[in-house]
Amino acid sequence: MGLRKEAVDWIIRVSGYYGFVGLTSVLAVHYFDRFLLSPAFQKDKPWMNQLAAVACLSLASKVEEIQAPLLMDLQVEGAKFVFESKTIMKMELLVLSALGWKMNPVTPISFIDYIMRRLGLVTHCRHSELVRRCERVVLAVINDSRSLDYLPSVIATATMNLVIKEVDPDNAYDYQNQLKGFLDINEELLDDCSKLILEVTDYHGTSHLATRKRKYPSAPGSPNGVIDSYFSSDNSCDSWAAASSVSSSPEPVLKKIRAQEQQMRLAPMSHYVGIELPT
């Protein structure tokens, strides 16, 4: 899972760089995890991991953000290679085909939104803080490959239990009892997931997940030379491994509105990584 760790780290860093909403990062990681299991993902290609991560984050930003950055502008925060826009767009199509064009899966963020509605936390005086803390915990958890062992509902419930204890300890017990009433989740799985959350949040912390925006990102260094590699894969939908069906997630309660345009500019670059993908 070393490839996954590297890609997810980068996705979360770039999401923080641009101040993306939490769901954008979660969707990008979800897309990457599904693509990682498809036959199209070629682990022997040194550029494949990053190209797939860039494509997945680009797709997620187009789904969730008001305005997505340019493809070239996404390649910041320690990007090893710099891919041409046309290369990223072709990879986006390959990812979409692998995902069966299912772009709105049920995620832990979906369940957190549902839980808050059921518990009446939408009108809670510290609702915004609850949402921010939950998103940060979820991002820390999905950064660990062990999170793949748990359903989104389990991660969301364990996250909510822990966050409510911190934000509203006086009413935490009542909220937890209500949770048990409408979510039928195995207690053992919930305890295991809670332990994972405590482990990864203690180890990684959540300060690196704080939202931050930069107006003029610096250009990442280009690798020496051009990788002369070819990505070969059948583009027909029948040739891709189908992921399990997922239903659309509800509209988040606190979906941040981006009224201010994100106009990010990179310094001129003399060399790009040119990878020819079949049409």
C-alpha atoms as a PDB file:
ATOM      1  CA  MET A   1       0.000   0.000   0.000  1.00  0.00           C
ATOM      2  CA  GLY A   2       3.025   2.287  -0.343  1.00  0.00           C
ATOM      3  CA  LEU A   3       1.691   3.642  -3.627  1.00  0.00           C
ATOM      4  CA  ARG A   4      -1.633   4.483  -2.031  1.00  0.00           C
ATOM      5  CA  LYS A   5      -0.022   6.244   0.909  1.00  0.00           C
ATOM      6  CA  GLU A   6       2.055   8.446  -1.361  1.00  0.00           C
ATOM      7  CA  ALA A   7      -0.927   9.356  -3.539  1.00  0.00           C
ATOM      8  CA  VAL A   8      -3.338  10.040  -0.674  1.00  0.00           C
ATOM      9  CA  ASP A   9      -0.768  12.186   1.131  1.00  0.00           C
ATOM     10  CA  TRP A  10      -0.363  14.262  -2.009  1.00  0.00           C
ATOM     11  CA  ILE A  11      -4.133  14.555  -2.603  1.00  0.00           C
ATOM     12  CA  ILE A  12      -4.722  15.837   0.925  1.00  0.00           C
ATOM     13  CA  ARG A  13      -1.828  18.292   0.731  1.00  0.00           C
ATOM     14  CA  VAL A  14      -3.034  19.789  -2.550  1.00  0.00           C
ATOM     15  CA  SER A  15      -6.617  19.935  -1.275  1.00  0.00           C
ATOM     16  CA  GLY A  16      -5.394  21.928   1.704  1.00  0.00           C
ATOM     17  CA  TYR A  17      -3.282  24.090  -0.604  1.00  0.00           C
ATOM     18  CA  TYR A  18      -6.357  25.198  -2.535  1.00  0.00           C
ATOM     19  CA  GLY A  19      -8.764  25.161   0.394  1.00  0.00           C
ATOM     20  CA  PHE A  20     -10.998  22.470  -1.089  1.00  0.00           C
ATOM     21  CA  VAL A  21     -13.952  21.242   0.952  1.00  0.00           C
ATOM     22  CA  GLY A  22     -13.417  17.972   2.784  1.00  0.00           C
ATOM     23  CA  LEU A  23     -15.676  15.999   0.458  1.00  0.00           C
ATOM     24  CA  THR A  24     -13.422  16.815  -2.499  1.00  0.00           C
ATOM     25  CA  SER A  25     -10.495  15.031  -0.857  1.00  0.00           C
ATOM     26  CA  VAL A  26     -12.668  12.103   0.212  1.00  0.00           C
ATOM     27  CA  LEU A  27     -14.039  11.668  -3.316  1.00  0.00           C
ATOM     28  CA  ALA A  28     -10.559  11.887  -4.864  1.00  0.00           C
ATOM     29  CA  VAL A  29      -9.242   9.193  -2.530  1.00  0.00           C
ATOM     30  CA  HIS A  30     -12.293   7.039  -3.228  1.00  0.00           C
ATOM     31  CA  TYR A  31     -11.757   7.329  -6.977  1.00  0.00           C
ATOM     32  CA  PHE A  32      -8.067   6.512  -6.573  1.00  0.00           C
ATOM     33  CA  ASP A  33      -8.756   3.439  -4.407  1.00  0.00           C
ATOM     34  CA  ARG A  34     -11.153   2.031  -6.981  1.00  0.00           C
ATOM     35  CA  PHE A  35      -8.823   2.792  -9.869  1.00  0.00           C
ATOM     36  CA  LEU A  36      -5.907   1.237  -7.985  1.00  0.00           C
ATOM     37  CA  LEU A  37      -7.735  -2.100  -8.090  1.00  0.00           C
ATOM     38  CA  SER A  38      -8.528  -1.927 -11.801  1.00  0.00           C
ATOM     39  CA  PRO A  39      -6.468  -3.678 -14.522  1.00  0.00           C
ATOM     40  CA  ALA A  40      -5.656  -0.281 -16.014  1.00  0.00           C
ATOM     41  CA  PHE A  41      -3.406   0.685 -13.118  1.00  0.00           C
ATOM     42  CA  GLN A  42       0.133  -0.341 -14.083  1.00  0.00           C
ATOM     43  CA  LYS A  43       2.315  -0.408 -10.992  1.00  0.00           C
ATOM     44  CA  ASP A  44       5.495  -0.853 -13.004  1.00  0.00           C
ATOM     45  CA  LYS A  45       5.180   2.629 -14.510  1.00  0.00           C
ATOM     46  CA  PRO A  46       6.988   5.167 -12.285  1.00  0.00           C
ATOM     47  CA  TRP A  47       4.649   7.975 -13.335  1.00  0.00           C
ATOM     48  CA  MET A  48       1.371   6.060 -13.091  1.00  0.00           C
ATOM     49  CA  ASN A  49       0.739   6.680  -9.386  1.00  0.00           C
ATOM     50  CA  GLN A  50       1.008  10.440  -9.608  1.00  0.00           C
ATOM     51  CA  LEU A  51      -0.822  10.740 -12.912  1.00  0.00           C
ATOM     52  CA  ALA A  52      -3.745   8.775 -11.484  1.00  0.00           C
ATOM     53  CA  ALA A  53      -3.739  10.919  -8.319  1.00  0.00           C
ATOM     54  CA  VAL A  54      -3.795  14.131 -10.368  1.00  0.00           C
ATOM     55  CA  ALA A  55      -6.643  12.831 -12.520  1.00  0.00           C
ATOM     56  CA  CYS A  56      -8.676  11.678  -9.507  1.00  0.00           C
ATOM     57  CA  LEU A  57      -8.254  14.986  -7.692  1.00  0.00           C
ATOM     58  CA  SER A  58      -9.137  16.886 -10.860  1.00  0.00           C
ATOM     59  CA  LEU A  59     -12.329  14.864 -11.289  1.00  0.00           C
ATOM     60  CA  ALA A  60     -13.285  15.303  -7.630  1.00  0.00           C
ATOM     61  CA  SER A  61     -12.745  19.068  -7.790  1.00  0.00           C
ATOM     62  CA  LYS A  62     -14.947  19.278 -10.881  1.00  0.00           C
ATOM     63  CA  VAL A  63     -17.681  17.362  -9.063  1.00  0.00           C
ATOM     64  CA  GLU A  64     -17.590  19.257  -5.764  1.00  0.00           C
ATOM     65  CA  GLU A  65     -15.904  22.656  -6.126  1.00  0.00           C
ATOM     66  CA  ILE A  66     -17.506  25.787  -7.524  1.00  0.00           C
ATOM     67  CA  GLN A  67     -14.451  26.384  -9.696  1.00  0.00           C
ATOM     68  CA  ALA A  68     -11.731  23.800 -10.269  1.00  0.00           C
ATOM     69  CA  PRO A  69      -8.100  24.873 -10.801  1.00  0.00           C
ATOM     70  CA  LEU A  70      -6.444  24.392 -14.163  1.00  0.00           C
ATOM     71  CA  LEU A  71      -4.885  20.966 -14.666  1.00  0.00           C
ATOM     72  CA  MET A  72      -1.363  22.379 -14.707  1.00  0.00           C
ATOM     73  CA  ASP A  73      -2.030  24.269 -11.483  1.00  0.00           C
ATOM     74  CA  LEU A  74      -2.921  21.087  -9.599  1.00  0.00           C
ATOM     75  CA  GLN A  75       0.610  19.771  -9.898  1.00  0.00           C
ATOM     76  CA  VAL A  76       2.069  21.367  -6.786  1.00  0.00           C
ATOM     77  CA  GLU A  77       3.021  20.314  -3.250  1.00  0.00           C
ATOM     78  CA  GLY A  78       5.914  18.012  -4.059  1.00  0.00           C
ATOM     79  CA  ALA A  79       4.751  16.699  -7.429  1.00  0.00           C
ATOM     80  CA  LYS A  80       7.558  14.592  -8.905  1.00  0.00           C
ATOM     81  CA  PHE A  81       6.418  14.896 -12.511  1.00  0.00           C
ATOM     82  CA  VAL A  82       4.684  17.587 -14.515  1.00  0.00           C
ATOM     83  CA  PHE A  83       2.120  16.192 -16.946  1.00  0.00           C
ATOM     84  CA  GLU A  84       0.646  17.968 -19.925  1.00  0.00           C
ATOM     85  CA  SER A  85      -3.040  18.835 -19.682  1.00  0.00           C
ATOM     86  CA  LYS A  86      -3.978  16.552 -22.587  1.00  0.00           C
ATOM     87  CA  THR A  87      -2.291  13.628 -20.819  1.00  0.00           C
ATOM     88  CA  ILE A  88      -4.250  14.269 -17.616  1.00  0.00           C
ATOM     89  CA  MET A  89      -7.522  14.563 -19.536  1.00  0.00           C
ATOM     90  CA  LYS A  90      -6.938  11.188 -21.198  1.00  0.00           C
ATOM     91  CA  MET A  91      -6.211   9.671 -17.802  1.00  0.00           C
ATOM     92  CA  GLU A  92      -9.440  11.204 -16.497  1.00  0.00           C
ATOM     93  CA  LEU A  93     -11.348   9.313 -19.166  1.00  0.00           C
ATOM     94  CA  LEU A  94      -9.622   6.074 -18.216  1.00  0.00           C
ATOM     95  CA  VAL A  95     -10.468   6.623 -14.550  1.00  0.00           C
ATOM     96  CA  LEU A  96     -14.084   7.431 -15.415  1.00  0.00           C
ATOM     97  CA  SER A  97     -14.327   4.262 -17.473  1.00  0.00           C
ATOM     98  CA  ALA A  98     -12.843   2.192 -14.630  1.00  0.00           C
ATOM     99  CA  LEU A  99     -15.346   3.712 -12.203  1.00  0.00           C
ATOM    100  CA  GLY A 100     -18.244   3.102 -14.565  1.00  0.00           C
ATOM    101  CA  TRP A 101     -18.917   6.855 -14.420  1.00  0.00           C
ATOM    102  CA  LYS A 102     -20.200   6.490 -10.837  1.00  0.00           C
ATOM    103  CA  MET A 103     -18.975   9.735  -9.348  1.00  0.00           C
ATOM    104  CA  ASN A 104     -21.207  10.215  -6.290  1.00  0.00           C
ATOM    105  CA  PRO A 105     -20.553   7.288  -3.943  1.00  0.00           C
ATOM    106  CA  VAL A 106     -21.674   7.052  -0.348  1.00  0.00           C
ATOM    107  CA  THR A 107     -18.787   8.281   1.811  1.00  0.00           C
ATOM    108  CA  PRO A 108     -18.187   8.841   5.536  1.00  0.00           C
ATOM    109  CA  ILE A 109     -19.001  12.527   4.890  1.00  0.00           C
ATOM    110  CA  SER A 110     -22.395  11.455   3.504  1.00  0.00           C
ATOM    111  CA  PHE A 111     -23.187   9.563   6.691  1.00  0.00           C
ATOM    112  CA  ILE A 112     -21.918  12.359   8.929  1.00  0.00           C
ATOM    113  CA  ASP A 113     -24.340  14.713   7.200  1.00  0.00           C
ATOM    114  CA  TYR A 114     -27.148  12.172   7.669  1.00  0.00           C
ATOM    115  CA  ILE A 115     -26.278  11.633  11.348  1.00  0.00           C
ATOM    116  CA  MET A 116     -26.265  15.360  12.043  1.00  0.00           C
ATOM    117  CA  ARG A 117     -29.698  15.712  10.508  1.00  0.00           C
ATOM    118  CA  ARG A 118     -31.112  12.802  12.520  1.00  0.00           C
ATOM    119  CA  LEU A 119     -29.595  14.050  15.778  1.00  0.00           C
ATOM    120  CA  GLY A 120     -30.750  17.606  15.167  1.00  0.00           C
ATOM    121  CA  LEU A 121     -27.184  18.888  15.177  1.00  0.00           C
ATOM    122  CA  VAL A 122     -27.778  21.078  12.139  1.00  0.00           C
ATOM    123  CA  THR A 123     -29.083  23.755  14.513  1.00  0.00           C
ATOM    124  CA  HIS A 124     -26.465  23.085  17.185  1.00  0.00           C
ATOM    125  CA  CYS A 125     -24.683  26.243  18.320  1.00  0.00           C
ATOM    126  CA  ARG A 126     -21.325  24.631  17.441  1.00  0.00           C
ATOM    127  CA  HIS A 127     -22.444  22.938  14.244  1.00  0.00           C
ATOM    128  CA  SER A 128     -19.685  24.459  12.112  1.00  0.00           C
ATOM    129  CA  GLU A 129     -17.045  23.230  14.520  1.00  0.00           C
ATOM    130  CA  LEU A 130     -18.575  19.755  14.534  1.00  0.00           C
ATOM    131  CA  VAL A 131     -18.420  19.622  10.742  1.00  0.00           C
ATOM    132  CA  ARG A 132     -14.827  20.857  10.574  1.00  0.00           C
ATOM    133  CA  ARG A 133     -13.616  18.420  13.215  1.00  0.00           C
ATOM    134  CA  CYS A 134     -15.417  15.490  11.612  1.00  0.00           C
ATOM    135  CA  GLU A 135     -13.948  16.292   8.201  1.00  0.00           C
ATOM    136  CA  ARG A 136     -10.436  16.523   9.620  1.00  0.00           C
ATOM    137  CA  VAL A 137     -10.782  13.196  11.403  1.00  0.00           C
ATOM    138  CA  VAL A 138     -12.134  11.507   8.275  1.00  0.00           C
ATOM    139  CA  LEU A 139      -9.219  12.848   6.200  1.00  0.00           C
ATOM    140  CA  ALA A 140      -6.740  11.542   8.752  1.00  0.00           C
ATOM    141  CA  VAL A 141      -8.434   8.133   8.763  1.00  0.00           C
ATOM    142  CA  ILE A 142      -8.656   7.626   4.993  1.00  0.00           C
ATOM    143  CA  ASN A 143      -4.949   8.435   4.808  1.00  0.00           C
ATOM    144  CA  ASP A 144      -4.411   5.027   6.428  1.00  0.00           C
ATOM    145  CA  SER A 145      -5.035   1.957   4.247  1.00  0.00           C
ATOM    146  CA  ARG A 146      -6.639   0.157   7.206  1.00  0.00           C
ATOM    147  CA  SER A 147      -9.655   2.430   6.760  1.00  0.00           C
ATOM    148  CA  LEU A 148     -10.569   0.302   3.728  1.00  0.00           C
ATOM    149  CA  ASP A 149     -11.602  -2.449   6.166  1.00  0.00           C
ATOM    150  CA  TYR A 150     -14.525  -0.352   7.411  1.00  0.00           C
ATOM    151  CA  LEU A 151     -17.754   0.745   5.771  1.00  0.00           C
ATOM    152  CA  PRO A 152     -18.386   4.496   5.453  1.00  0.00           C
ATOM    153  CA  SER A 153     -21.171   4.246   8.049  1.00  0.00           C
ATOM    154  CA  VAL A 154     -18.790   2.728  10.602  1.00  0.00           C
ATOM    155  CA  ILE A 155     -16.130   5.403  10.048  1.00  0.00           C
ATOM    156  CA  ALA A 156     -18.754   8.149  10.259  1.00  0.00           C
ATOM    157  CA  THR A 157     -20.323   6.812  13.441  1.00  0.00           C
ATOM    158  CA  ALA A 158     -16.981   6.294  15.191  1.00  0.00           C
ATOM    159  CA  THR A 159     -15.908   9.774  14.116  1.00  0.00           C
ATOM    160  CA  MET A 160     -19.120  11.377  15.328  1.00  0.00           C
ATOM    161  CA  ASN A 161     -18.929   9.620  18.686  1.00  0.00           C
ATOM    162  CA  LEU A 162     -15.426  10.911  19.327  1.00  0.00           C
ATOM    163  CA  VAL A 163     -16.044  14.443  18.061  1.00  0.00           C
ATOM    164  CA  ILE A 164     -19.256  14.878  20.058  1.00  0.00           C
ATOM    165  CA  LYS A 165     -17.385  13.902  23.230  1.00  0.00           C
ATOM    166  CA  GLU A 166     -14.970  16.756  22.588  1.00  0.00           C
ATOM    167  CA  VAL A 167     -17.406  19.412  21.433  1.00  0.00           C
ATOM    168  CA  ASP A 168     -20.449  18.689  23.612  1.00  0.00           C
ATOM    169  CA  PRO A 169     -19.402  16.313  26.430  1.00  0.00           C
ATOM    170  CA  ASP A 170     -22.470  17.098  28.553  1.00  0.00           C
ATOM    171  CA  ASN A 171     -24.865  15.646  25.949  1.00  0.00           C
ATOM    172  CA  ALA A 172     -22.540  13.108  24.349  1.00  0.00           C
ATOM    173  CA  TYR A 173     -24.108  10.113  26.116  1.00  0.00           C
ATOM    174  CA  ASP A 174     -27.616  11.000  24.910  1.00  0.00           C
ATOM    175  CA  TYR A 175     -26.424  11.503  21.340  1.00  0.00           C
ATOM    176  CA  GLN A 176     -24.613   8.164  21.359  1.00  0.00           C
ATOM    177  CA  ASN A 177     -27.748   6.367  22.559  1.00  0.00           C
ATOM    178  CA  GLN A 178     -29.739   7.984  19.756  1.00  0.00           C
ATOM    179  CA  LEU A 179     -27.108   6.860  17.266  1.00  0.00           C
ATOM    180  CA  LYS A 180     -27.522   3.258  18.363  1.00  0.00           C
ATOM    181  CA  GLY A 181     -31.246   3.610  17.874  1.00  0.00           C
ATOM    182  CA  PHE A 182     -31.190   4.318  14.141  1.00  0.00           C
ATOM    183  CA  LEU A 183     -27.858   2.859  12.976  1.00  0.00           C
ATOM    184  CA  ASP A 184     -27.432  -0.889  13.303  1.00  0.00           C
ATOM    185  CA  ILE A 185     -23.642  -1.141  13.507  1.00  0.00           C
ATOM    186  CA  ASN A 186     -21.621  -3.946  15.040  1.00  0.00           C
ATOM    187  CA  GLU A 187     -20.209  -2.725  18.355  1.00  0.00           C
ATOM    188  CA  GLU A 188     -16.955  -4.609  17.890  1.00  0.00           C
ATOM    189  CA  LEU A 189     -16.334  -3.037  14.490  1.00  0.00           C
ATOM    190  CA  LEU A 190     -17.193   0.356  15.926  1.00  0.00           C
ATOM    191  CA  ASP A 191     -14.713  -0.074  18.773  1.00  0.00           C
ATOM    192  CA  ASP A 192     -11.968  -1.202  16.382  1.00  0.00           C
ATOM    193  CA  CYS A 193     -12.583   1.761  14.117  1.00  0.00           C
ATOM    194  CA  SER A 194     -12.551   4.128  17.091  1.00  0.00           C
ATOM    195  CA  LYS A 195      -9.159   2.765  18.110  1.00  0.00           C
ATOM    196  CA  LEU A 196      -7.861   3.333  14.585  1.00  0.00           C
ATOM    197  CA  ILE A 197      -9.116   6.907  14.648  1.00  0.00           C
ATOM    198  CA  LEU A 198      -7.397   7.604  17.946  1.00  0.00           C
ATOM    199  CA  GLU A 199      -4.195   6.062  16.631  1.00  0.00           C
ATOM    200  CA  VAL A 200      -4.011   7.957  13.352  1.00  0.00           C
ATOM    201  CA  THR A 201      -5.117  11.293  14.774  1.00  0.00           C
ATOM    202  CA  ASP A 202      -2.600  11.031  17.624  1.00  0.00           C
ATOM    203  CA  TYR A 203       0.150  10.017  15.242  1.00  0.00           C
ATOM    204  CA  HIS A 204      -0.542  12.348  12.318  1.00  0.00           C
ATOM    205  CA  GLY A 205      -2.369  15.127  14.116  1.00  0.00           C
ATOM    206  CA  THR A 206      -4.818  17.269  12.207  1.00  0.00           C
ATOM    207  CA  SER A 207      -2.944  20.540  11.923  1.00  0.00           C
ATOM    208  CA  HIS A 208      -1.720  19.639   8.417  1.00  0.00           C
ATOM    209  CA  LEU A 209      -5.339  19.341   7.296  1.00  0.00           C
ATOM    210  CA  ALA A 210      -6.154  22.972   8.039  1.00  0.00           C
ATOM    211  CA  THR A 211      -7.567  24.919   5.123  1.00  0.00           C
ATOM    212  CA  ARG A 212      -5.135  27.322   3.558  1.00  0.00           C
ATOM    213  CA  LYS A 213      -5.027  29.232   0.284  1.00  0.00           C
ATOM    214  CA  ARG A 214      -2.107  30.579  -1.697  1.00  0.00           C
ATOM    215  CA  LYS A 215      -2.460  32.992  -4.559  1.00  0.00           C
ATOM    216  CA  TYR A 216       0.757  32.284  -6.400  1.00  0.00           C
ATOM    217  CA  PRO A 217       1.902  28.657  -6.141  1.00  0.00           C
ATOM    218  CA  SER A 218       5.468  27.911  -7.073  1.00  0.00           C
ATOM    219  CA  ALA A 219       6.208  25.605  -9.975  1.00  0.00           C
ATOM    220  CA  PRO A 220       7.198  22.054  -9.074  1.00  0.00           C
ATOM    221  CA  GLY A 221      10.507  20.864 -10.463  1.00  0.00           C
ATOM    222  CA  SER A 222      10.362  18.891 -13.682  1.00  0.00           C
ATOM    223  CA  PRO A 223      12.202  15.555 -13.884  1.00  0.00           C
ATOM    224  CA  ASN A 224      15.290  15.384 -16.045  1.00  0.00           C
ATOM    225  CA  GLY A 225      14.360  14.265 -19.533  1.00  0.00           C
ATOM    226  CA  VAL A 226      11.041  13.083 -20.835  1.00  0.00           C
ATOM    227  CA  ILE A 227       9.585   9.710 -19.942  1.00  0.00           C
ATOM    228  CA  ASP A 228       9.014   7.932 -23.211  1.00  0.00           C
ATOM    229  CA  SER A 229       6.356   5.504 -22.060  1.00  0.00           C
ATOM    230  CA  TYR A 230       3.072   4.367 -23.439  1.00  0.00           C
ATOM    231  CA  PHE A 231      -0.050   3.592 -21.486  1.00  0.00           C
ATOM    232  CA  SER A 232      -1.815   0.678 -23.149  1.00  0.00           C
ATOM    233  CA  SER A 233      -5.284  -0.375 -22.089  1.00  0.00           C
ATOM    234  CA  ASP A 234      -8.586  -1.254 -23.721  1.00  0.00           C
ATOM    235  CA  ASN A 235     -10.879   1.747 -23.362  1.00  0.00           C
ATOM    236  CA  SER A 236     -14.123  -0.186 -23.655  1.00  0.00           C
ATOM    237  CA  CYS A 237     -16.235  -0.251 -20.519  1.00  0.00           C
ATOM    238  CA  ASP A 238     -16.508  -4.051 -20.736  1.00  0.00           C
ATOM    239  CA  SER A 239     -12.778  -4.454 -20.166  1.00  0.00           C
ATOM    240  CA  TRP A 240     -12.729  -2.706 -16.814  1.00  0.00           C
ATOM    241  CA  ALA A 241     -13.296  -4.309 -13.457  1.00  0.00           C
ATOM    242  CA  ALA A 242     -16.653  -3.070 -12.233  1.00  0.00           C
ATOM    243  CA  ALA A 243     -16.788  -1.565  -8.784  1.00  0.00           C
ATOM    244  CA  SER A 244     -19.648  -2.314  -6.428  1.00  0.00           C
ATOM    245  CA  SER A 245     -22.779  -0.239  -6.898  1.00  0.00           C
ATOM    246  CA  VAL A 246     -23.121   2.839  -4.758  1.00  0.00           C
ATOM    247  CA  SER A 247     -25.950   5.261  -4.383  1.00  0.00           C
ATOM    248  CA  SER A 248     -25.739   9.010  -4.589  1.00  0.00           C
ATOM    249  CA  SER A 249     -24.843  10.921  -1.457  1.00  0.00           C
ATOM    250  CA  PRO A 250     -27.178  13.631  -0.124  1.00  0.00           C
ATOM    251  CA  GLU A 251     -26.316  17.296  -0.456  1.00  0.00           C
ATOM    252  CA  PRO A 252     -23.999  18.227   2.460  1.00  0.00           C
ATOM    253  CA  VAL A 253     -25.417  20.524   5.091  1.00  0.00           C
ATOM    254  CA  LEU A 254     -22.377  22.789   5.198  1.00  0.00           C
ATOM    255  CA  LYS A 255     -21.191  22.832   1.607  1.00  0.00           C
ATOM    256  CA  LYS A 256     -18.935  25.846   1.396  1.00  0.00           C
ATOM    257  CA  ILE A 257     -19.759  28.317  -1.342  1.00  0.00           C
ATOM    258  CA  ARG A 258     -16.795  29.481  -3.361  1.00  0.00           C
ATOM    259  CA  ALA A 259     -17.729  32.962  -4.638  1.00  0.00           C
ATOM    260  CA  GLN A 260     -14.143  34.079  -5.015  1.00  0.00           C
ATOM    261  CA  GLU A 261     -12.434  32.858  -8.167  1.00  0.00           C
ATOM    262  CA  GLN A 262      -9.363  30.664  -7.777  1.00  0.00           C
ATOM    263  CA  GLN A 263      -6.934  32.047 -10.323  1.00  0.00           C
ATOM    264  CA  MET A 264      -3.741  30.123  -9.735  1.00  0.00           C
ATOM    265  CA  ARG A 265      -0.701  30.730 -11.924  1.00  0.00           C
ATOM    266  CA  LEU A 266       2.434  28.706 -12.327  1.00  0.00           C
ATOM    267  CA  ALA A 267       5.797  30.078 -13.372  1.00  0.00           C
ATOM    268  CA  PRO A 268       6.821  29.165 -16.959  1.00  0.00           C
ATOM    269  CA  MET A 269       8.279  25.679 -17.295  1.00  0.00           C
ATOM    270  CA  SER A 270      10.644  24.571 -20.001  1.00  0.00           C
ATOM    271  CA  HIS A 271      10.118  20.809 -19.719  1.00  0.00           C
ATOM    272  CA  TYR A 272       7.041  18.698 -19.183  1.00  0.00           C
ATOM    273  CA  VAL A 273       6.557  15.000 -18.804  1.00  0.00           C
ATOM    274  CA  GLY A 274       5.097  13.868 -22.110  1.00  0.00           C
ATOM    275  CA  ILE A 275       3.339  10.520 -21.899  1.00  0.00           C
ATOM    276  CA  GLU A 276       1.434   9.374 -24.925  1.00  0.00           C
ATOM    277  CA  LEU A 277      -1.842   7.650 -24.135  1.00  0.00           C
ATOM    278  CA  PRO A 278      -3.780   5.848 -26.849  1.00  0.00           C
ATOM    279  CA  THR A 279      -6.824   7.597 -28.241  1.00  0.00           C
END
